[in-house]
PDB file of N, CA and C in Angstrom:
ATOM      1  N   MET A   1      97.860 129.380  75.191  1.00  0.00           N
ATOM      2  CA  MET A   1      98.643 128.283  75.725  1.00  0.00           C
ATOM      3  C   MET A   1     100.125 128.637  75.596  1.00  0.00           C
ATOM      4  N   SER A   2     100.824 128.611  76.700  1.00  0.00           N
ATOM      5  CA  SER A   2     102.243 128.965  76.733  1.00  0.00           C
ATOM      6  C   SER A   2     103.098 127.734  76.962  1.00  0.00           C
ATOM      7  N   ILE A   3     104.381 127.893  76.682  1.00  0.00           N
ATOM      8  CA  ILE A   3     105.366 126.891  77.103  1.00  0.00           C
ATOM      9  C   ILE A   3     106.051 127.480  78.319  1.00  0.00           C
ATOM     10  N   TYR A   4     105.937 126.788  79.429  1.00  0.00           N
ATOM     11  CA  TYR A   4     106.473 127.274  80.693  1.00  0.00           C
ATOM     12  C   TYR A   4     107.882 126.712  80.871  1.00  0.00           C
ATOM     13  N   LYS A   5     108.886 127.596  80.774  1.00  0.00           N
ATOM     14  CA  LYS A   5     110.291 127.184  80.848  1.00  0.00           C
ATOM     15  C   LYS A   5     110.885 127.648  82.166  1.00  0.00           C
ATOM     16  N   ASP A   6     111.386 126.686  82.926  1.00  0.00           N
ATOM     17  CA  ASP A   6     112.044 127.037  84.183  1.00  0.00           C
ATOM     18  C   ASP A   6     113.530 127.258  83.925  1.00  0.00           C
ATOM     19  N   GLY A   7     114.209 127.878  84.871  1.00  0.00           N
ATOM     20  CA  GLY A   7     115.619 128.234  84.714  1.00  0.00           C
ATOM     21  C   GLY A   7     116.546 127.035  84.607  1.00  0.00           C
ATOM     22  N   LYS A   8     117.597 127.199  83.830  1.00  0.00           N
ATOM     23  CA  LYS A   8     118.564 126.127  83.624  1.00  0.00           C
ATOM     24  C   LYS A   8     119.448 125.895  84.838  1.00  0.00           C
ATOM     25  N   ASP A   9     119.536 126.863  85.714  1.00  0.00           N
ATOM     26  CA  ASP A   9     120.431 126.732  86.870  1.00  0.00           C
ATOM     27  C   ASP A   9     119.666 126.503  88.170  1.00  0.00           C
ATOM     28  N   LYS A  10     118.428 126.089  88.081  1.00  0.00           N
ATOM     29  CA  LYS A  10     117.575 125.960  89.263  1.00  0.00           C
ATOM     30  C   LYS A  10     117.831 124.677  90.054  1.00  0.00           C
ATOM     31  N   LEU A  11     117.946 123.549  89.368  1.00  0.00           N
ATOM     32  CA  LEU A  11     118.036 122.253  90.047  1.00  0.00           C
ATOM     33  C   LEU A  11     119.375 121.580  89.778  1.00  0.00           C
ATOM     34  N   GLU A  12     119.933 120.980  90.832  1.00  0.00           N
ATOM     35  CA  GLU A  12     121.169 120.211  90.687  1.00  0.00           C
ATOM     36  C   GLU A  12     121.016 118.905  91.445  1.00  0.00           C
ATOM     37  N   PHE A  13     121.504 117.839  90.844  1.00  0.00           N
ATOM     38  CA  PHE A  13     121.442 116.515  91.441  1.00  0.00           C
ATOM     39  C   PHE A  13     122.870 115.982  91.539  1.00  0.00           C
ATOM     40  N   THR A  14     123.308 115.710  92.755  1.00  0.00           N
ATOM     41  CA  THR A  14     124.658 115.188  92.965  1.00  0.00           C
ATOM     42  C   THR A  14     124.609 113.667  92.925  1.00  0.00           C
ATOM     43  N   LEU A  15     125.287 113.111  91.937  1.00  0.00           N
ATOM     44  CA  LEU A  15     125.324 111.660  91.770  1.00  0.00           C
ATOM     45  C   LEU A  15     126.324 111.055  92.748  1.00  0.00           C
ATOM     46  N   LYS A  16     126.015 109.871  93.234  1.00  0.00           N
ATOM     47  CA  LYS A  16     126.887 109.190  94.183  1.00  0.00           C
ATOM     48  C   LYS A  16     127.329 107.869  93.575  1.00  0.00           C
ATOM     49  N   GLY A  17     128.592 107.796  93.204  1.00  0.00           N
ATOM     50  CA  GLY A  17     129.120 106.560  92.628  1.00  0.00           C
ATOM     51  C   GLY A  17     128.533 106.283  91.265  1.00  0.00           C
ATOM     52  N   SER A  18     128.483 105.009  90.935  1.00  0.00           N
ATOM     53  CA  SER A  18     127.925 104.614  89.646  1.00  0.00           C
ATOM     54  C   SER A  18     126.533 104.043  89.863  1.00  0.00           C
ATOM     55  N   GLY A  19     125.804 103.920  88.809  1.00  0.00           N
ATOM     56  CA  GLY A  19     124.448 103.379  88.893  1.00  0.00           C
ATOM     57  C   GLY A  19     123.540 104.050  87.902  1.00  0.00           C
ATOM     58  N   LYS A  20     122.425 103.417  87.666  1.00  0.00           N
ATOM     59  CA  LYS A  20     121.445 103.948  86.732  1.00  0.00           C
ATOM     60  C   LYS A  20     120.645 105.083  87.377  1.00  0.00           C
ATOM     61  N   VAL A  21     120.190 106.002  86.518  1.00  0.00           N
ATOM     62  CA  VAL A  21     119.368 107.134  86.962  1.00  0.00           C
ATOM     63  C   VAL A  21     118.002 106.978  86.290  1.00  0.00           C
ATOM     64  N   TYR A  22     116.944 107.198  87.084  1.00  0.00           N
ATOM     65  CA  TYR A  22     115.580 106.950  86.627  1.00  0.00           C
ATOM     66  C   TYR A  22     114.700 108.192  86.756  1.00  0.00           C
ATOM     67  N   MET A  23     113.609 108.179  86.000  1.00  0.00           N
ATOM     68  CA  MET A  23     112.600 109.227  86.071  1.00  0.00           C
ATOM     69  C   MET A  23     111.234 108.560  86.196  1.00  0.00           C
ATOM     70  N   SER A  24     110.390 109.148  87.036  1.00  0.00           N
ATOM     71  CA  SER A  24     108.977 108.756  87.085  1.00  0.00           C
ATOM     72  C   SER A  24     108.158 110.034  87.246  1.00  0.00           C
ATOM     73  N   VAL A  25     106.889 109.953  86.900  1.00  0.00           N
ATOM     74  CA  VAL A  25     106.017 111.129  87.023  1.00  0.00           C
ATOM     75  C   VAL A  25     104.622 110.673  87.453  1.00  0.00           C
ATOM     76  N   ASP A  26     104.062 111.418  88.377  1.00  0.00           N
ATOM     77  CA  ASP A  26     102.692 111.189  88.825  1.00  0.00           C
ATOM     78  C   ASP A  26     101.887 112.444  88.536  1.00  0.00           C
ATOM     79  N   ALA A  27     100.659 112.245  88.080  1.00  0.00           N
ATOM     80  CA  ALA A  27      99.751 113.364  87.816  1.00  0.00           C
ATOM     81  C   ALA A  27      98.601 113.279  88.814  1.00  0.00           C
ATOM     82  N   LEU A  28      98.339 114.389  89.490  1.00  0.00           N
ATOM     83  CA  LEU A  28      97.282 114.422  90.490  1.00  0.00           C
ATOM     84  C   LEU A  28      96.041 115.109  89.928  1.00  0.00           C
ATOM     85  N   ASN A  29      94.941 114.973  90.608  1.00  0.00           N
ATOM     86  CA  ASN A  29      93.670 115.614  90.240  1.00  0.00           C
ATOM     87  C   ASN A  29      93.154 115.145  88.881  1.00  0.00           C
ATOM     88  N   GLN A  30      93.379 113.886  88.570  1.00  0.00           N
ATOM     89  CA  GLN A  30      92.910 113.263  87.329  1.00  0.00           C
ATOM     90  C   GLN A  30      93.482 113.897  86.070  1.00  0.00           C
ATOM     91  N   SER A  31      94.545 114.681  86.224  1.00  0.00           N
ATOM     92  CA  SER A  31      95.217 115.219  85.042  1.00  0.00           C
ATOM     93  C   SER A  31      96.175 114.159  84.517  1.00  0.00           C
ATOM     94  N   ARG A  32      96.800 114.438  83.395  1.00  0.00           N
ATOM     95  CA  ARG A  32      97.792 113.492  82.864  1.00  0.00           C
ATOM     96  C   ARG A  32      98.889 114.258  82.152  1.00  0.00           C
ATOM     97  N   THR A  33     100.046 113.595  82.045  1.00  0.00           N
ATOM     98  CA  THR A  33     101.187 114.222  81.397  1.00  0.00           C
ATOM     99  C   THR A  33     102.083 113.162  80.788  1.00  0.00           C
ATOM    100  N   CYS A  34     102.893 113.601  79.864  1.00  0.00           N
ATOM    101  CA  CYS A  34     103.942 112.791  79.255  1.00  0.00           C
ATOM    102  C   CYS A  34     105.214 113.633  79.301  1.00  0.00           C
ATOM    103  N   VAL A  35     106.304 113.046  79.771  1.00  0.00           N
ATOM    104  CA  VAL A  35     107.560 113.777  79.917  1.00  0.00           C
ATOM    105  C   VAL A  35     108.648 113.068  79.128  1.00  0.00           C
ATOM    106  N   THR A  36     109.427 113.843  78.381  1.00  0.00           N
ATOM    107  CA  THR A  36     110.555 113.330  77.610  1.00  0.00           C
ATOM    108  C   THR A  36     111.839 113.920  78.171  1.00  0.00           C
ATOM    109  N   CYS A  37     112.855 113.093  78.228  1.00  0.00           N
ATOM    110  CA  CYS A  37     114.167 113.501  78.736  1.00  0.00           C
ATOM    111  C   CYS A  37     115.150 113.501  77.577  1.00  0.00           C
ATOM    112  N   ASN A  38     115.931 114.582  77.432  1.00  0.00           N
ATOM    113  CA  ASN A  38     116.801 114.678  76.262  1.00  0.00           C
ATOM    114  C   ASN A  38     118.100 113.893  76.395  1.00  0.00           C
ATOM    115  N   SER A  39     118.388 113.275  77.541  1.00  0.00           N
ATOM    116  CA  SER A  39     119.640 112.518  77.671  1.00  0.00           C
ATOM    117  C   SER A  39     119.616 111.239  76.841  1.00  0.00           C
ATOM    118  N   ASN A  40     118.454 110.610  76.732  1.00  0.00           N
ATOM    119  CA  ASN A  40     118.344 109.389  75.924  1.00  0.00           C
ATOM    120  C   ASN A  40     116.967 109.275  75.264  1.00  0.00           C
ATOM    121  N   ASN A  41     116.226 110.363  75.220  1.00  0.00           N
ATOM    122  CA  ASN A  41     114.887 110.413  74.628  1.00  0.00           C
ATOM    123  C   ASN A  41     113.887 109.490  75.326  1.00  0.00           C
ATOM    124  N   ALA A  42     114.138 109.173  76.596  1.00  0.00           N
ATOM    125  CA  ALA A  42     113.176 108.374  77.362  1.00  0.00           C
ATOM    126  C   ALA A  42     111.887 109.155  77.485  1.00  0.00           C
ATOM    127  N   GLN A  43     110.780 108.452  77.370  1.00  0.00           N
ATOM    128  CA  GLN A  43     109.469 109.074  77.460  1.00  0.00           C
ATOM    129  C   GLN A  43     108.677 108.348  78.541  1.00  0.00           C
ATOM    130  N   VAL A  44     108.128 109.121  79.483  1.00  0.00           N
ATOM    131  CA  VAL A  44     107.389 108.545  80.594  1.00  0.00           C
ATOM    132  C   VAL A  44     106.020 109.204  80.690  1.00  0.00           C
ATOM    133  N   PHE A  45     104.988 108.389  80.792  1.00  0.00           N
ATOM    134  CA  PHE A  45     103.632 108.874  81.029  1.00  0.00           C
ATOM    135  C   PHE A  45     103.332 108.727  82.514  1.00  0.00           C
ATOM    136  N   ASN A  46     102.457 109.599  83.023  1.00  0.00           N
ATOM    137  CA  ASN A  46     102.111 109.453  84.436  1.00  0.00           C
ATOM    138  C   ASN A  46     101.569 108.047  84.684  1.00  0.00           C
ATOM    139  N   GLY A  47     101.995 107.485  85.798  1.00  0.00           N
ATOM    140  CA  GLY A  47     101.571 106.136  86.158  1.00  0.00           C
ATOM    141  C   GLY A  47     102.466 105.037  85.621  1.00  0.00           C
ATOM    142  N   ASP A  48     103.343 105.350  84.657  1.00  0.00           N
ATOM    143  CA  ASP A  48     104.287 104.345  84.155  1.00  0.00           C
ATOM    144  C   ASP A  48     105.278 103.980  85.255  1.00  0.00           C
ATOM    145  N   PRO A  49     105.850 102.780  85.183  1.00  0.00           N
ATOM    146  CA  PRO A  49     106.961 102.486  86.095  1.00  0.00           C
ATOM    147  C   PRO A  49     108.129 103.421  85.789  1.00  0.00           C
ATOM    148  N   LYS A  50     109.020 103.587  86.756  1.00  0.00           N
ATOM    149  CA  LYS A  50     110.178 104.454  86.514  1.00  0.00           C
ATOM    150  C   LYS A  50     110.945 103.955  85.304  1.00  0.00           C
ATOM    151  N   LYS A  51     111.544 104.906  84.593  1.00  0.00           N
ATOM    152  CA  LYS A  51     112.258 104.580  83.353  1.00  0.00           C
ATOM    153  C   LYS A  51     113.674 105.122  83.441  1.00  0.00           C
ATOM    154  N   GLU A  52     114.618 104.359  82.948  1.00  0.00           N
ATOM    155  CA  GLU A  52     116.020 104.769  82.967  1.00  0.00           C
ATOM    156  C   GLU A  52     116.235 105.938  82.014  1.00  0.00           C
ATOM    157  N   ILE A  53     116.955 106.963  82.509  1.00  0.00           N
ATOM    158  CA  ILE A  53     117.300 108.097  81.647  1.00  0.00           C
ATOM    159  C   ILE A  53     118.800 108.149  81.377  1.00  0.00           C
ATOM    160  N   GLY A  54     119.539 107.207  81.926  1.00  0.00           N
ATOM    161  CA  GLY A  54     120.984 107.133  81.709  1.00  0.00           C
ATOM    162  C   GLY A  54     121.659 106.529  82.918  1.00  0.00           C
ATOM    163  N   ASN A  55     122.969 106.388  82.824  1.00  0.00           N
ATOM    164  CA  ASN A  55     123.721 105.958  84.003  1.00  0.00           C
ATOM    165  C   ASN A  55     124.548 107.141  84.476  1.00  0.00           C
ATOM    166  N   SER A  56     125.002 107.054  85.699  1.00  0.00           N
ATOM    167  CA  SER A  56     125.683 108.207  86.293  1.00  0.00           C
ATOM    168  C   SER A  56     126.910 108.614  85.482  1.00  0.00           C
ATOM    169  N   ASN A  57     127.610 107.660  84.870  1.00  0.00           N
ATOM    170  CA  ASN A  57     128.795 107.996  84.073  1.00  0.00           C
ATOM    171  C   ASN A  57     128.426 108.776  82.815  1.00  0.00           C
ATOM    172  N   SER A  58     127.287 108.477  82.211  1.00  0.00           N
ATOM    173  CA  SER A  58     126.923 109.131  80.947  1.00  0.00           C
ATOM    174  C   SER A  58     126.304 110.517  81.145  1.00  0.00           C
ATOM    175  N   ILE A  59     125.695 110.783  82.298  1.00  0.00           N
ATOM    176  CA  ILE A  59     125.057 112.093  82.486  1.00  0.00           C
ATOM    177  C   ILE A  59     125.784 112.989  83.481  1.00  0.00           C
ATOM    178  N   ASN A  60     126.808 112.479  84.130  1.00  0.00           N
ATOM    179  CA  ASN A  60     127.562 113.295  85.076  1.00  0.00           C
ATOM    180  C   ASN A  60     128.162 114.507  84.349  1.00  0.00           C
ATOM    181  N   GLY A  61     127.961 115.689  84.902  1.00  0.00           N
ATOM    182  CA  GLY A  61     128.473 116.922  84.308  1.00  0.00           C
ATOM    183  C   GLY A  61     127.581 117.512  83.237  1.00  0.00           C
ATOM    184  N   LYS A  62     126.425 116.911  82.988  1.00  0.00           N
ATOM    185  CA  LYS A  62     125.543 117.386  81.923  1.00  0.00           C
ATOM    186  C   LYS A  62     124.311 118.094  82.479  1.00  0.00           C
ATOM    187  N   LEU A  63     123.804 119.003  81.664  1.00  0.00           N
ATOM    188  CA  LEU A  63     122.532 119.665  81.929  1.00  0.00           C
ATOM    189  C   LEU A  63     121.481 118.918  81.117  1.00  0.00           C
ATOM    190  N   VAL A  64     120.509 118.323  81.789  1.00  0.00           N
ATOM    191  CA  VAL A  64     119.503 117.500  81.118  1.00  0.00           C
ATOM    192  C   VAL A  64     118.171 118.236  81.136  1.00  0.00           C
ATOM    193  N   ARG A  65     117.523 118.274  79.970  1.00  0.00           N
ATOM    194  CA  ARG A  65     116.235 118.950  79.819  1.00  0.00           C
ATOM    195  C   ARG A  65     115.104 117.922  79.887  1.00  0.00           C
ATOM    196  N   PHE A  66     114.060 118.276  80.623  1.00  0.00           N
ATOM    197  CA  PHE A  66     112.851 117.476  80.715  1.00  0.00           C
ATOM    198  C   PHE A  66     111.715 118.305  80.141  1.00  0.00           C
ATOM    199  N   THR A  67     110.989 117.745  79.179  1.00  0.00           N
ATOM    200  CA  THR A  67     109.914 118.455  78.502  1.00  0.00           C
ATOM    201  C   THR A  67     108.612 117.714  78.726  1.00  0.00           C
ATOM    202  N   GLY A  68     107.620 118.416  79.250  1.00  0.00           N
ATOM    203  CA  GLY A  68     106.339 117.787  79.551  1.00  0.00           C
ATOM    204  C   GLY A  68     105.196 118.405  78.778  1.00  0.00           C
ATOM    205  N   ALA A  69     104.226 117.568  78.478  1.00  0.00           N
ATOM    206  CA  ALA A  69     102.981 118.016  77.854  1.00  0.00           C
ATOM    207  C   ALA A  69     101.848 117.447  78.693  1.00  0.00           C
ATOM    208  N   GLY A  70     101.106 118.341  79.337  1.00  0.00           N
ATOM    209  CA  GLY A  70     100.069 117.904  80.262  1.00  0.00           C
ATOM    210  C   GLY A  70      98.677 118.185  79.753  1.00  0.00           C
ATOM    211  N   GLU A  71      97.719 117.607  80.474  1.00  0.00           N
ATOM    212  CA  GLU A  71      96.320 117.831  80.142  1.00  0.00           C
ATOM    213  C   GLU A  71      95.516 117.928  81.431  1.00  0.00           C
ATOM    214  N   LYS A  72      94.762 119.004  81.523  1.00  0.00           N
ATOM    215  CA  LYS A  72      93.846 119.225  82.645  1.00  0.00           C
ATOM    216  C   LYS A  72      92.519 118.580  82.271  1.00  0.00           C
ATOM    217  N   ARG A  73      92.050 117.630  83.092  1.00  0.00           N
ATOM    218  CA  ARG A  73      90.851 116.880  82.725  1.00  0.00           C
ATOM    219  C   ARG A  73      89.656 117.161  83.624  1.00  0.00           C
ATOM    220  N   THR A  74      89.861 117.972  84.657  1.00  0.00           N
ATOM    221  CA  THR A  74      88.771 118.341  85.568  1.00  0.00           C
ATOM    222  C   THR A  74      88.884 119.836  85.853  1.00  0.00           C
ATOM    223  N   ASN A  75      88.057 120.338  86.724  1.00  0.00           N
ATOM    224  CA  ASN A  75      88.150 121.738  87.129  1.00  0.00           C
ATOM    225  C   ASN A  75      89.250 121.966  88.151  1.00  0.00           C
ATOM    226  N   ASP A  76      89.831 120.890  88.668  1.00  0.00           N
ATOM    227  CA  ASP A  76      90.923 121.019  89.626  1.00  0.00           C
ATOM    228  C   ASP A  76      92.203 121.428  88.911  1.00  0.00           C
ATOM    229  N   ASN A  77      93.123 122.021  89.655  1.00  0.00           N
ATOM    230  CA  ASN A  77      94.408 122.444  89.086  1.00  0.00           C
ATOM    231  C   ASN A  77      95.284 121.243  88.759  1.00  0.00           C
ATOM    232  N   VAL A  78      96.114 121.384  87.728  1.00  0.00           N
ATOM    233  CA  VAL A  78      97.065 120.328  87.396  1.00  0.00           C
ATOM    234  C   VAL A  78      98.170 120.301  88.447  1.00  0.00           C
ATOM    235  N   LYS A  79      98.725 119.125  88.641  1.00  0.00           N
ATOM    236  CA  LYS A  79      99.877 118.973  89.525  1.00  0.00           C
ATOM    237  C   LYS A  79     100.622 117.730  89.074  1.00  0.00           C
ATOM    238  N   PHE A  80     101.865 117.937  88.602  1.00  0.00           N
ATOM    239  CA  PHE A  80     102.682 116.847  88.097  1.00  0.00           C
ATOM    240  C   PHE A  80     103.919 116.714  88.978  1.00  0.00           C
ATOM    241  N   VAL A  81     104.114 115.543  89.568  1.00  0.00           N
ATOM    242  CA  VAL A  81     105.233 115.289  90.469  1.00  0.00           C
ATOM    243  C   VAL A  81     106.256 114.425  89.740  1.00  0.00           C
ATOM    244  N   HIS A  82     107.425 115.008  89.454  1.00  0.00           N
ATOM    245  CA  HIS A  82     108.503 114.312  88.749  1.00  0.00           C
ATOM    246  C   HIS A  82     109.541 113.881  89.777  1.00  0.00           C
ATOM    247  N   THR A  83     109.925 112.627  89.738  1.00  0.00           N
ATOM    248  CA  THR A  83     110.940 112.113  90.655  1.00  0.00           C
ATOM    249  C   THR A  83     112.102 111.560  89.838  1.00  0.00           C
ATOM    250  N   ILE A  84     113.287 112.097  90.088  1.00  0.00           N
ATOM    251  CA  ILE A  84     114.511 111.630  89.455  1.00  0.00           C
ATOM    252  C   ILE A  84     115.317 110.945  90.561  1.00  0.00           C
ATOM    253  N   SER A  85     115.726 109.706  90.329  1.00  0.00           N
ATOM    254  CA  SER A  85     116.407 108.952  91.381  1.00  0.00           C
ATOM    255  C   SER A  85     117.577 108.161  90.806  1.00  0.00           C
ATOM    256  N   GLN A  86     118.509 107.860  91.677  1.00  0.00           N
ATOM    257  CA  GLN A  86     119.669 107.053  91.304  1.00  0.00           C
ATOM    258  C   GLN A  86     119.595 105.733  92.052  1.00  0.00           C
ATOM    259  N   ASP A  87     119.951 104.654  91.376  1.00  0.00           N
ATOM    260  CA  ASP A  87     120.010 103.337  92.019  1.00  0.00           C
ATOM    261  C   ASP A  87     120.817 103.414  93.299  1.00  0.00           C
ATOM    262  N   GLY A  88     120.219 103.060  94.410  1.00  0.00           N
ATOM    263  CA  GLY A  88     120.934 103.035  95.674  1.00  0.00           C
ATOM    264  C   GLY A  88     121.374 104.391  96.171  1.00  0.00           C
ATOM    265  N   GLY A  89     120.829 105.453  95.607  1.00  0.00           N
ATOM    266  CA  GLY A  89     121.252 106.803  95.989  1.00  0.00           C
ATOM    267  C   GLY A  89     120.083 107.692  96.327  1.00  0.00           C
ATOM    268  N   ASP A  90     120.280 108.963  96.114  1.00  0.00           N
ATOM    269  CA  ASP A  90     119.292 109.971  96.458  1.00  0.00           C
ATOM    270  C   ASP A  90     118.280 110.163  95.335  1.00  0.00           C
ATOM    271  N   SER A  91     117.327 111.050  95.589  1.00  0.00           N
ATOM    272  CA  SER A  91     116.358 111.427  94.573  1.00  0.00           C
ATOM    273  C   SER A  91     116.059 112.923  94.719  1.00  0.00           C
ATOM    274  N   ILE A  92     115.479 113.475  93.665  1.00  0.00           N
ATOM    275  CA  ILE A  92     115.068 114.875  93.660  1.00  0.00           C
ATOM    276  C   ILE A  92     113.680 114.934  93.038  1.00  0.00           C
ATOM    277  N   GLU A  93     112.849 115.845  93.527  1.00  0.00           N
ATOM    278  CA  GLU A  93     111.507 116.024  92.978  1.00  0.00           C
ATOM    279  C   GLU A  93     111.354 117.417  92.390  1.00  0.00           C
ATOM    280  N   TYR A  94     110.589 117.479  91.326  1.00  0.00           N
ATOM    281  CA  TYR A  94     110.178 118.749  90.742  1.00  0.00           C
ATOM    282  C   TYR A  94     108.675 118.654  90.549  1.00  0.00           C
ATOM    283  N   VAL A  95     107.940 119.571  91.151  1.00  0.00           N
ATOM    284  CA  VAL A  95     106.478 119.561  91.069  1.00  0.00           C
ATOM    285  C   VAL A  95     106.048 120.751  90.214  1.00  0.00           C
ATOM    286  N   PHE A  96     105.356 120.452  89.117  1.00  0.00           N
ATOM    287  CA  PHE A  96     104.855 121.510  88.247  1.00  0.00           C
ATOM    288  C   PHE A  96     103.366 121.656  88.486  1.00  0.00           C
ATOM    289  N   PRO A  97     102.835 122.837  88.666  1.00  0.00           N
ATOM    290  CA  PRO A  97     103.447 124.152  88.597  1.00  0.00           C
ATOM    291  C   PRO A  97     103.948 124.694  89.939  1.00  0.00           C
ATOM    292  N   GLN A  98     103.838 123.924  91.001  1.00  0.00           N
ATOM    293  CA  GLN A  98     104.217 124.408  92.340  1.00  0.00           C
ATOM    294  C   GLN A  98     105.648 124.930  92.395  1.00  0.00           C
ATOM    295  N   ASP A  99     106.598 124.224  91.791  1.00  0.00           N
ATOM    296  CA  ASP A  99     108.012 124.624  91.840  1.00  0.00           C
ATOM    297  C   ASP A  99     108.415 125.535  90.687  1.00  0.00           C
ATOM    298  N   TYR A 100     107.506 125.807  89.787  1.00  0.00           N
ATOM    299  CA  TYR A 100     107.801 126.605  88.596  1.00  0.00           C
ATOM    300  C   TYR A 100     108.051 128.068  88.961  1.00  0.00           C
ATOM    301  N   THR A 101     109.152 128.621  88.443  1.00  0.00           N
ATOM    302  CA  THR A 101     109.491 130.029  88.700  1.00  0.00           C
ATOM    303  C   THR A 101     109.927 130.751  87.425  1.00  0.00           C
ATOM    304  N   GLY A 102     109.491 130.286  86.278  1.00  0.00           N
ATOM    305  CA  GLY A 102     109.883 130.882  85.012  1.00  0.00           C
ATOM    306  C   GLY A 102     109.290 132.262  84.795  1.00  0.00           C
ATOM    307  N   GLU A 103     109.673 132.874  83.683  1.00  0.00           N
ATOM    308  CA  GLU A 103     109.270 134.246  83.394  1.00  0.00           C
ATOM    309  C   GLU A 103     107.801 134.374  83.022  1.00  0.00           C
ATOM    310  N   VAL A 104     107.266 133.424  82.299  1.00  0.00           N
ATOM    311  CA  VAL A 104     105.861 133.464  81.911  1.00  0.00           C
ATOM    312  C   VAL A 104     105.039 132.937  83.086  1.00  0.00           C
ATOM    313  N   ALA A 105     104.117 133.735  83.587  1.00  0.00           N
ATOM    314  CA  ALA A 105     103.295 133.316  84.721  1.00  0.00           C
ATOM    315  C   ALA A 105     102.412 132.132  84.327  1.00  0.00           C
ATOM    316  N   PHE A 106     102.320 131.145  85.215  1.00  0.00           N
ATOM    317  CA  PHE A 106     101.474 129.990  84.952  1.00  0.00           C
ATOM    318  C   PHE A 106     100.004 130.396  85.039  1.00  0.00           C
ATOM    319  N   GLU A 107      99.246 130.002  84.039  1.00  0.00           N
ATOM    320  CA  GLU A 107      97.812 130.292  83.997  1.00  0.00           C
ATOM    321  C   GLU A 107      97.061 129.037  84.418  1.00  0.00           C
ATOM    322  N   GLU A 108      96.371 129.124  85.556  1.00  0.00           N
ATOM    323  CA  GLU A 108      95.654 127.956  86.063  1.00  0.00           C
ATOM    324  C   GLU A 108      94.559 127.491  85.118  1.00  0.00           C
ATOM    325  N   SER A 109      94.104 128.348  84.235  1.00  0.00           N
ATOM    326  CA  SER A 109      93.069 127.968  83.271  1.00  0.00           C
ATOM    327  C   SER A 109      93.642 127.213  82.066  1.00  0.00           C
ATOM    328  N   ASP A 110      94.969 127.130  81.957  1.00  0.00           N
ATOM    329  CA  ASP A 110      95.612 126.439  80.834  1.00  0.00           C
ATOM    330  C   ASP A 110      95.251 124.955  80.897  1.00  0.00           C
ATOM    331  N   GLU A 111      94.522 124.472  79.905  1.00  0.00           N
ATOM    332  CA  GLU A 111      94.048 123.095  79.914  1.00  0.00           C
ATOM    333  C   GLU A 111      95.061 122.108  79.340  1.00  0.00           C
ATOM    334  N   MET A 112      96.069 122.594  78.624  1.00  0.00           N
ATOM    335  CA  MET A 112      97.089 121.707  78.047  1.00  0.00           C
ATOM    336  C   MET A 112      98.462 122.351  78.209  1.00  0.00           C
ATOM    337  N   PRO A 113      98.947 122.445  79.444  1.00  0.00           N
ATOM    338  CA  PRO A 113     100.228 123.115  79.656  1.00  0.00           C
ATOM    339  C   PRO A 113     101.411 122.299  79.137  1.00  0.00           C
ATOM    340  N   SER A 114     102.312 122.989  78.471  1.00  0.00           N
ATOM    341  CA  SER A 114     103.596 122.414  78.069  1.00  0.00           C
ATOM    342  C   SER A 114     104.658 123.089  78.922  1.00  0.00           C
ATOM    343  N   TYR A 115     105.632 122.329  79.382  1.00  0.00           N
ATOM    344  CA  TYR A 115     106.608 122.879  80.316  1.00  0.00           C
ATOM    345  C   TYR A 115     107.970 122.214  80.144  1.00  0.00           C
ATOM    346  N   MET A 116     108.996 122.938  80.597  1.00  0.00           N
ATOM    347  CA  MET A 116     110.375 122.431  80.577  1.00  0.00           C
ATOM    348  C   MET A 116     111.036 122.758  81.900  1.00  0.00           C
ATOM    349  N   PHE A 117     111.849 121.823  82.356  1.00  0.00           N
ATOM    350  CA  PHE A 117     112.720 122.092  83.485  1.00  0.00           C
ATOM    351  C   PHE A 117     114.036 121.375  83.234  1.00  0.00           C
ATOM    352  N   TYR A 118     115.061 121.794  83.927  1.00  0.00           N
ATOM    353  CA  TYR A 118     116.405 121.284  83.704  1.00  0.00           C
ATOM    354  C   TYR A 118     116.997 120.806  85.021  1.00  0.00           C
ATOM    355  N   ILE A 119     117.858 119.792  84.930  1.00  0.00           N
ATOM    356  CA  ILE A 119     118.618 119.338  86.090  1.00  0.00           C
ATOM    357  C   ILE A 119     120.073 119.218  85.671  1.00  0.00           C
ATOM    358  N   LYS A 120     120.945 119.836  86.450  1.00  0.00           N
ATOM    359  CA  LYS A 120     122.386 119.712  86.260  1.00  0.00           C
ATOM    360  C   LYS A 120     122.859 118.540  87.120  1.00  0.00           C
ATOM    361  N   PHE A 121     123.459 117.540  86.492  1.00  0.00           N
ATOM    362  CA  PHE A 121     123.966 116.384  87.198  1.00  0.00           C
ATOM    363  C   PHE A 121     125.454 116.570  87.468  1.00  0.00           C
ATOM    364  N   SER A 122     125.841 116.370  88.703  1.00  0.00           N
ATOM    365  CA  SER A 122     127.253 116.526  89.059  1.00  0.00           C
ATOM    366  C   SER A 122     127.704 115.404  89.986  1.00  0.00           C
TER     367      SER A 122
END
């Protein structure tokens, strides 16, 4: 079991004005995951309503780390869709493992993948 770390300079989210920033996560193929955000230690489980991870003033200019712990519950591959959105603004998605490009190759047989990705807010 590996920790799959994606690059720190891969994703950027341009904030527009002021407003709260949220995170939600969906797990497909009956898998499940829990994701923690280091900006305010918000923790979101798949299927939870979106959760605030900060406001645009507090995270603007920061690199925010998202850490997930997933579980494969069927023979199907895991797929976790993370959506980061701003009130009245844009959103960005990160799909693990589809968007993953880290150094350690993703093993589809990994039944409990742990992963990290980063978003630079500007």
